[in-house]
PDB file of N, CA and C in Angstrom:
ATOM      1  N   UNK A   1     -28.934  18.213  74.736  1.00  0.00           N
ATOM      2  CA  UNK A   1     -30.179  17.439  75.441  1.00  0.00           C
ATOM      3  C   UNK A   1     -29.741  15.991  75.201  1.00  0.00           C
ATOM      4  N   UNK A   2     -29.878  15.075  76.622  1.00  0.00           N
ATOM      5  CA  UNK A   2     -29.687  13.998  76.664  1.00  0.00           C
ATOM      6  C   UNK A   2     -31.518  12.995  76.185  1.00  0.00           C
ATOM      7  N   UNK A   3     -30.907  12.003  75.866  1.00  0.00           N
ATOM      8  CA  UNK A   3     -32.729  11.212  75.735  1.00  0.00           C
ATOM      9  C   UNK A   3     -32.607  10.301  77.035  1.00  0.00           C
ATOM     10  N   UNK A   4     -33.497   9.876  77.553  1.00  0.00           N
ATOM     11  CA  UNK A   4     -33.635   9.560  78.258  1.00  0.00           C
ATOM     12  C   UNK A   4     -34.799   8.212  79.122  1.00  0.00           C
ATOM     13  N   UNK A   5     -35.730   7.959  77.494  1.00  0.00           N
ATOM     14  CA  UNK A   5     -36.625   7.395  77.453  1.00  0.00           C
ATOM     15  C   UNK A   5     -36.920   6.828  76.239  1.00  0.00           C
ATOM     16  N   UNK A   6     -36.661   5.528  75.998  1.00  0.00           N
ATOM     17  CA  UNK A   6     -37.473   5.542  74.782  1.00  0.00           C
ATOM     18  C   UNK A   6     -38.571   4.647  74.487  1.00  0.00           C
ATOM     19  N   UNK A   7     -39.815   4.286  73.332  1.00  0.00           N
ATOM     20  CA  UNK A   7     -40.714   3.736  73.494  1.00  0.00           C
ATOM     21  C   UNK A   7     -40.681   2.370  72.670  1.00  0.00           C
ATOM     22  N   UNK A   8     -41.344   1.415  73.122  1.00  0.00           N
ATOM     23  CA  UNK A   8     -41.332  -0.437  72.520  1.00  0.00           C
ATOM     24  C   UNK A   8     -42.754  -0.479  73.251  1.00  0.00           C
ATOM     25  N   UNK A   9     -43.202  -0.212  71.344  1.00  0.00           N
ATOM     26  CA  UNK A   9     -44.252  -0.869  71.763  1.00  0.00           C
ATOM     27  C   UNK A   9     -44.646  -2.723  71.673  1.00  0.00           C
ATOM     28  N   UNK A  10     -45.316  -3.677  73.296  1.00  0.00           N
ATOM     29  CA  UNK A  10     -45.356  -5.063  72.841  1.00  0.00           C
ATOM     30  C   UNK A  10     -46.143  -5.453  73.151  1.00  0.00           C
ATOM     31  N   UNK A  11     -46.639  -6.559  73.525  1.00  0.00           N
ATOM     32  CA  UNK A  11     -47.810  -7.223  72.552  1.00  0.00           C
ATOM     33  C   UNK A  11     -48.843  -7.638  73.764  1.00  0.00           C
ATOM     34  N   UNK A  12     -47.549  -8.517  74.805  1.00  0.00           N
ATOM     35  CA  UNK A  12     -47.136  -8.301  76.120  1.00  0.00           C
ATOM     36  C   UNK A  12     -45.847  -7.860  77.161  1.00  0.00           C
ATOM     37  N   UNK A  13     -46.672  -7.586  77.561  1.00  0.00           N
ATOM     38  CA  UNK A  13     -45.558  -7.211  79.138  1.00  0.00           C
ATOM     39  C   UNK A  13     -45.044  -7.272  79.478  1.00  0.00           C
ATOM     40  N   UNK A  14     -45.236  -8.511  80.677  1.00  0.00           N
ATOM     41  CA  UNK A  14     -45.057  -9.583  80.996  1.00  0.00           C
ATOM     42  C   UNK A  14     -43.748 -10.637  80.541  1.00  0.00           C
ATOM     43  N   UNK A  15     -44.413 -10.814  78.914  1.00  0.00           N
ATOM     44  CA  UNK A  15     -42.708 -11.803  78.189  1.00  0.00           C
ATOM     45  C   UNK A  15     -42.017 -10.739  78.146  1.00  0.00           C
ATOM     46  N   UNK A  16     -42.563  -9.456  77.325  1.00  0.00           N
ATOM     47  CA  UNK A  16     -41.223  -8.620  77.436  1.00  0.00           C
ATOM     48  C   UNK A  16     -40.116  -8.169  78.036  1.00  0.00           C
ATOM     49  N   UNK A  17     -40.591  -7.973  79.374  1.00  0.00           N
ATOM     50  CA  UNK A  17     -39.744  -8.070  80.359  1.00  0.00           C
ATOM     51  C   UNK A  17     -39.348  -9.332  80.634  1.00  0.00           C
ATOM     52  N   UNK A  18     -39.651 -10.064  80.942  1.00  0.00           N
ATOM     53  CA  UNK A  18     -39.331 -12.015  80.582  1.00  0.00           C
ATOM     54  C   UNK A  18     -37.830 -11.491  80.161  1.00  0.00           C
ATOM     55  N   UNK A  19     -38.149 -11.638  78.458  1.00  0.00           N
ATOM     56  CA  UNK A  19     -36.910 -11.742  77.674  1.00  0.00           C
ATOM     57  C   UNK A  19     -35.658 -10.229  77.915  1.00  0.00           C
ATOM     58  N   UNK A  20     -35.913  -9.037  78.416  1.00  0.00           N
ATOM     59  CA  UNK A  20     -35.464  -7.900  78.568  1.00  0.00           C
ATOM     60  C   UNK A  20     -34.618  -8.169  79.684  1.00  0.00           C
ATOM     61  N   UNK A  21     -35.087  -8.944  80.463  1.00  0.00           N
ATOM     62  CA  UNK A  21     -34.144  -9.165  81.748  1.00  0.00           C
ATOM     63  C   UNK A  21     -33.417 -10.855  81.277  1.00  0.00           C
ATOM     64  N   UNK A  22     -33.908 -11.302  81.619  1.00  0.00           N
ATOM     65  CA  UNK A  22     -33.429 -12.769  81.524  1.00  0.00           C
ATOM     66  C   UNK A  22     -32.448 -12.804  80.030  1.00  0.00           C
ATOM     67  N   UNK A  23     -32.703 -12.795  79.174  1.00  0.00           N
ATOM     68  CA  UNK A  23     -32.021 -12.595  77.724  1.00  0.00           C
ATOM     69  C   UNK A  23     -31.077 -11.607  77.414  1.00  0.00           C
ATOM     70  N   UNK A  24     -31.825 -10.886  77.484  1.00  0.00           N
ATOM     71  CA  UNK A  24     -30.932  -9.374  77.146  1.00  0.00           C
ATOM     72  C   UNK A  24     -29.721  -8.821  78.636  1.00  0.00           C
ATOM     73  N   UNK A  25     -30.168  -9.526  79.707  1.00  0.00           N
ATOM     74  CA  UNK A  25     -29.862  -8.966  80.559  1.00  0.00           C
ATOM     75  C   UNK A  25     -29.251  -7.259  81.599  1.00  0.00           C
ATOM     76  N   UNK A  26     -31.251  -6.752  80.948  1.00  0.00           N
ATOM     77  CA  UNK A  26     -31.686  -5.627  81.476  1.00  0.00           C
ATOM     78  C   UNK A  26     -32.318  -5.335  82.176  1.00  0.00           C
ATOM     79  N   UNK A  27     -32.727  -5.048  83.525  1.00  0.00           N
ATOM     80  CA  UNK A  27     -31.948  -4.552  84.390  1.00  0.00           C
ATOM     81  C   UNK A  27     -33.744  -3.679  84.531  1.00  0.00           C
ATOM     82  N   UNK A  28     -34.572  -4.209  85.273  1.00  0.00           N
ATOM     83  CA  UNK A  28     -35.703  -3.883  85.744  1.00  0.00           C
ATOM     84  C   UNK A  28     -36.194  -1.948  86.533  1.00  0.00           C
ATOM     85  N   UNK A  29     -36.091  -1.161  85.856  1.00  0.00           N
ATOM     86  CA  UNK A  29     -36.431   0.408  86.739  1.00  0.00           C
ATOM     87  C   UNK A  29     -37.120   0.958  86.778  1.00  0.00           C
ATOM     88  N   UNK A  30     -38.774   0.745  86.254  1.00  0.00           N
ATOM     89  CA  UNK A  30     -40.196   1.196  87.395  1.00  0.00           C
ATOM     90  C   UNK A  30     -41.178   0.228  86.757  1.00  0.00           C
ATOM     91  N   UNK A  31     -41.642  -0.017  86.998  1.00  0.00           N
ATOM     92  CA  UNK A  31     -43.072  -0.660  87.672  1.00  0.00           C
ATOM     93  C   UNK A  31     -44.228   0.030  88.481  1.00  0.00           C
ATOM     94  N   UNK A  32     -45.520   0.479  87.290  1.00  0.00           N
ATOM     95  CA  UNK A  32     -46.246   0.708  88.593  1.00  0.00           C
ATOM     96  C   UNK A  32     -47.341   0.931  87.654  1.00  0.00           C
ATOM     97  N   UNK A  33     -48.710   1.131  88.188  1.00  0.00           N
ATOM     98  CA  UNK A  33     -49.813   1.139  87.429  1.00  0.00           C
ATOM     99  C   UNK A  33     -50.645   2.422  88.589  1.00  0.00           C
ATOM    100  N   UNK A  34     -51.249   3.543  88.132  1.00  0.00           N
ATOM    101  CA  UNK A  34     -52.738   3.852  88.467  1.00  0.00           C
ATOM    102  C   UNK A  34     -53.316   3.347  88.155  1.00  0.00           C
ATOM    103  N   UNK A  35     -54.819   3.904  89.710  1.00  0.00           N
ATOM    104  CA  UNK A  35     -56.175   2.805  89.062  1.00  0.00           C
ATOM    105  C   UNK A  35     -56.228   4.138  87.536  1.00  0.00           C
ATOM    106  N   UNK A  36     -57.112   2.521  86.255  1.00  0.00           N
ATOM    107  CA  UNK A  36     -57.322   3.666  85.452  1.00  0.00           C
ATOM    108  C   UNK A  36     -56.709   3.818  84.400  1.00  0.00           C
ATOM    109  N   UNK A  37     -54.839   3.774  84.630  1.00  0.00           N
ATOM    110  CA  UNK A  37     -54.099   4.290  83.561  1.00  0.00           C
ATOM    111  C   UNK A  37     -53.082   3.347  83.272  1.00  0.00           C
ATOM    112  N   UNK A  38     -52.610   2.925  82.277  1.00  0.00           N
ATOM    113  CA  UNK A  38     -51.693   1.607  81.069  1.00  0.00           C
ATOM    114  C   UNK A  38     -50.861   1.248  82.587  1.00  0.00           C
ATOM    115  N   UNK A  39     -50.085   0.685  83.279  1.00  0.00           N
ATOM    116  CA  UNK A  39     -49.131   0.527  83.313  1.00  0.00           C
ATOM    117  C   UNK A  39     -47.943   0.922  82.659  1.00  0.00           C
ATOM    118  N   UNK A  40     -46.946   1.148  83.970  1.00  0.00           N
ATOM    119  CA  UNK A  40     -45.221   1.767  83.579  1.00  0.00           C
ATOM    120  C   UNK A  40     -44.774   1.032  83.284  1.00  0.00           C
ATOM    121  N   UNK A  41     -43.690   0.507  82.854  1.00  0.00           N
ATOM    122  CA  UNK A  41     -42.651  -0.019  82.859  1.00  0.00           C
ATOM    123  C   UNK A  41     -41.213  -0.044  81.998  1.00  0.00           C
ATOM    124  N   UNK A  42     -40.303   0.192  83.029  1.00  0.00           N
ATOM    125  CA  UNK A  42     -38.584   0.525  81.675  1.00  0.00           C
ATOM    126  C   UNK A  42     -38.612  -0.258  82.466  1.00  0.00           C
ATOM    127  N   UNK A  43     -37.335  -1.285  81.711  1.00  0.00           N
ATOM    128  CA  UNK A  43     -35.932  -2.212  81.797  1.00  0.00           C
ATOM    129  C   UNK A  43     -34.739  -0.819  81.106  1.00  0.00           C
ATOM    130  N   UNK A  44     -34.113  -1.483  81.108  1.00  0.00           N
ATOM    131  CA  UNK A  44     -32.577  -0.625  81.061  1.00  0.00           C
ATOM    132  C   UNK A  44     -31.438  -0.975  80.632  1.00  0.00           C
ATOM    133  N   UNK A  45     -30.249  -1.211  79.855  1.00  0.00           N
ATOM    134  CA  UNK A  45     -29.236  -2.057  80.243  1.00  0.00           C
ATOM    135  C   UNK A  45     -27.899  -1.366  81.663  1.00  0.00           C
ATOM    136  N   UNK A  46     -27.222  -2.378  81.885  1.00  0.00           N
ATOM    137  CA  UNK A  46     -27.605  -2.261  83.714  1.00  0.00           C
ATOM    138  C   UNK A  46     -25.885  -1.336  83.428  1.00  0.00           C
ATOM    139  N   UNK A  47     -25.775  -0.076  84.134  1.00  0.00           N
ATOM    140  CA  UNK A  47     -25.763   0.841  84.228  1.00  0.00           C
ATOM    141  C   UNK A  47     -25.808   2.211  83.108  1.00  0.00           C
ATOM    142  N   UNK A  48     -26.928   1.587  82.524  1.00  0.00           N
ATOM    143  CA  UNK A  48     -27.450   2.600  81.174  1.00  0.00           C
ATOM    144  C   UNK A  48     -27.711   3.963  81.981  1.00  0.00           C
ATOM    145  N   UNK A  49     -28.485   5.128  81.603  1.00  0.00           N
ATOM    146  CA  UNK A  49     -29.445   5.813  81.934  1.00  0.00           C
ATOM    147  C   UNK A  49     -30.389   6.332  81.448  1.00  0.00           C
ATOM    148  N   UNK A  50     -30.427   5.605  79.889  1.00  0.00           N
ATOM    149  CA  UNK A  50     -31.603   5.509  78.885  1.00  0.00           C
ATOM    150  C   UNK A  50     -32.140   4.452  79.582  1.00  0.00           C
ATOM    151  N   UNK A  51     -33.708   4.653  79.304  1.00  0.00           N
ATOM    152  CA  UNK A  51     -35.101   3.529  79.751  1.00  0.00           C
ATOM    153  C   UNK A  51     -35.700   3.054  79.134  1.00  0.00           C
ATOM    154  N   UNK A  52     -35.804   1.549  78.416  1.00  0.00           N
ATOM    155  CA  UNK A  52     -37.283   1.691  77.380  1.00  0.00           C
ATOM    156  C   UNK A  52     -38.398   1.830  77.789  1.00  0.00           C
ATOM    157  N   UNK A  53     -39.532   2.142  77.646  1.00  0.00           N
ATOM    158  CA  UNK A  53     -40.561   1.808  78.507  1.00  0.00           C
ATOM    159  C   UNK A  53     -40.984   0.846  77.521  1.00  0.00           C
ATOM    160  N   UNK A  54     -41.584  -0.336  78.168  1.00  0.00           N
ATOM    161  CA  UNK A  54     -42.474  -1.483  77.620  1.00  0.00           C
ATOM    162  C   UNK A  54     -43.905  -0.687  77.653  1.00  0.00           C
ATOM    163  N   UNK A  55     -44.703  -0.707  75.987  1.00  0.00           N
ATOM    164  CA  UNK A  55     -45.476  -0.287  76.219  1.00  0.00           C
ATOM    165  C   UNK A  55     -46.343  -1.106  75.662  1.00  0.00           C
ATOM    166  N   UNK A  56     -47.781  -1.070  76.081  1.00  0.00           N
ATOM    167  CA  UNK A  56     -48.295  -2.659  76.344  1.00  0.00           C
ATOM    168  C   UNK A  56     -49.293  -1.884  74.721  1.00  0.00           C
ATOM    169  N   UNK A  57     -49.823  -3.189  74.029  1.00  0.00           N
ATOM    170  CA  UNK A  57     -49.604  -2.112  72.610  1.00  0.00           C
ATOM    171  C   UNK A  57     -51.730  -2.911  73.028  1.00  0.00           C
ATOM    172  N   UNK A  58     -52.347  -0.654  72.804  1.00  0.00           N
ATOM    173  CA  UNK A  58     -53.319  -1.286  73.767  1.00  0.00           C
ATOM    174  C   UNK A  58     -54.713  -1.271  72.898  1.00  0.00           C
ATOM    175  N   UNK A  59     -54.809  -0.927  71.430  1.00  0.00           N
ATOM    176  CA  UNK A  59     -55.819  -0.841  70.892  1.00  0.00           C
ATOM    177  C   UNK A  59     -55.538  -1.138  69.073  1.00  0.00           C
ATOM    178  N   UNK A  60     -56.189  -1.301  68.585  1.00  0.00           N
ATOM    179  CA  UNK A  60     -55.923  -2.351  67.520  1.00  0.00           C
ATOM    180  C   UNK A  60     -55.252  -1.491  66.599  1.00  0.00           C
ATOM    181  N   UNK A  61     -55.396  -0.248  66.380  1.00  0.00           N
ATOM    182  CA  UNK A  61     -54.091   0.318  65.599  1.00  0.00           C
ATOM    183  C   UNK A  61     -52.423   0.213  66.018  1.00  0.00           C
ATOM    184  N   UNK A  62     -52.334   0.216  67.466  1.00  0.00           N
ATOM    185  CA  UNK A  62     -51.445   0.156  68.130  1.00  0.00           C
ATOM    186  C   UNK A  62     -50.761  -1.316  67.705  1.00  0.00           C
ATOM    187  N   UNK A  63     -51.861  -2.332  67.711  1.00  0.00           N
ATOM    188  CA  UNK A  63     -51.395  -3.651  67.618  1.00  0.00           C
ATOM    189  C   UNK A  63     -50.818  -3.650  66.334  1.00  0.00           C
ATOM    190  N   UNK A  64     -50.790  -3.612  65.268  1.00  0.00           N
ATOM    191  CA  UNK A  64     -51.382  -2.971  63.743  1.00  0.00           C
ATOM    192  C   UNK A  64     -50.082  -2.718  63.629  1.00  0.00           C
ATOM    193  N   UNK A  65     -49.467  -1.410  63.851  1.00  0.00           N
ATOM    194  CA  UNK A  65     -48.456  -0.975  64.062  1.00  0.00           C
ATOM    195  C   UNK A  65     -46.902  -1.377  64.557  1.00  0.00           C
ATOM    196  N   UNK A  66     -47.195  -2.055  65.789  1.00  0.00           N
ATOM    197  CA  UNK A  66     -45.874  -3.062  65.724  1.00  0.00           C
ATOM    198  C   UNK A  66     -46.384  -4.883  65.760  1.00  0.00           C
ATOM    199  N   UNK A  67     -46.536  -5.015  64.384  1.00  0.00           N
ATOM    200  CA  UNK A  67     -46.895  -6.691  63.766  1.00  0.00           C
ATOM    201  C   UNK A  67     -47.822  -7.506  64.522  1.00  0.00           C
ATOM    202  N   UNK A  68     -48.325  -6.989  65.743  1.00  0.00           N
ATOM    203  CA  UNK A  68     -48.547  -7.751  66.762  1.00  0.00           C
ATOM    204  C   UNK A  68     -49.789  -8.257  66.032  1.00  0.00           C
ATOM    205  N   UNK A  69     -50.555  -8.148  64.888  1.00  0.00           N
ATOM    206  CA  UNK A  69     -51.783  -9.158  64.261  1.00  0.00           C
ATOM    207  C   UNK A  69     -51.761  -8.742  63.044  1.00  0.00           C
ATOM    208  N   UNK A  70     -50.799  -9.811  62.201  1.00  0.00           N
ATOM    209  CA  UNK A  70     -51.378  -9.894  61.283  1.00  0.00           C
ATOM    210  C   UNK A  70     -52.991 -10.394  60.210  1.00  0.00           C
ATOM    211  N   UNK A  71     -52.736  -8.350  59.373  1.00  0.00           N
ATOM    212  CA  UNK A  71     -54.423  -9.006  58.996  1.00  0.00           C
ATOM    213  C   UNK A  71     -54.897  -9.958  58.258  1.00  0.00           C
ATOM    214  N   UNK A  72     -55.946 -11.116  58.013  1.00  0.00           N
ATOM    215  CA  UNK A  72     -55.838 -11.490  57.274  1.00  0.00           C
ATOM    216  C   UNK A  72     -56.515 -11.611  56.483  1.00  0.00           C
ATOM    217  N   UNK A  73     -55.751 -12.658  55.347  1.00  0.00           N
ATOM    218  CA  UNK A  73     -55.648 -12.844  53.801  1.00  0.00           C
ATOM    219  C   UNK A  73     -56.751 -12.873  53.305  1.00  0.00           C
ATOM    220  N   UNK A  74     -57.640 -11.989  51.749  1.00  0.00           N
ATOM    221  CA  UNK A  74     -58.512 -12.243  51.734  1.00  0.00           C
ATOM    222  C   UNK A  74     -58.472 -13.663  50.430  1.00  0.00           C
ATOM    223  N   UNK A  75     -59.857 -13.711  50.574  1.00  0.00           N
ATOM    224  CA  UNK A  75     -59.950 -15.117  49.556  1.00  0.00           C
ATOM    225  C   UNK A  75     -59.186 -15.422  48.280  1.00  0.00           C
ATOM    226  N   UNK A  76     -58.956 -16.314  47.954  1.00  0.00           N
ATOM    227  CA  UNK A  76     -58.246 -16.529  46.723  1.00  0.00           C
ATOM    228  C   UNK A  76     -59.811 -17.005  45.752  1.00  0.00           C
ATOM    229  N   UNK A  77     -60.112 -15.278  45.193  1.00  0.00           N
ATOM    230  CA  UNK A  77     -60.894 -16.429  43.771  1.00  0.00           C
ATOM    231  C   UNK A  77     -60.774 -16.695  43.047  1.00  0.00           C
TER     232      UNK A  77
END
């Protein structure tokens, strides 16, 4: 078995793409969106077969899981 994709949940796909390509030197492999479907965006280290899927956190649960939202603290009593 060969691992071909790993998913990374991101707050902003465009910001994640810029970070991965400019700061980490990855290359964009796939970028498309079918009507009514999430954008499919992948990056990979140059010369490597594995691709990272930059998945846009859509639901509140997705955002909490990836640390995109910090729960409000309850007021001190």
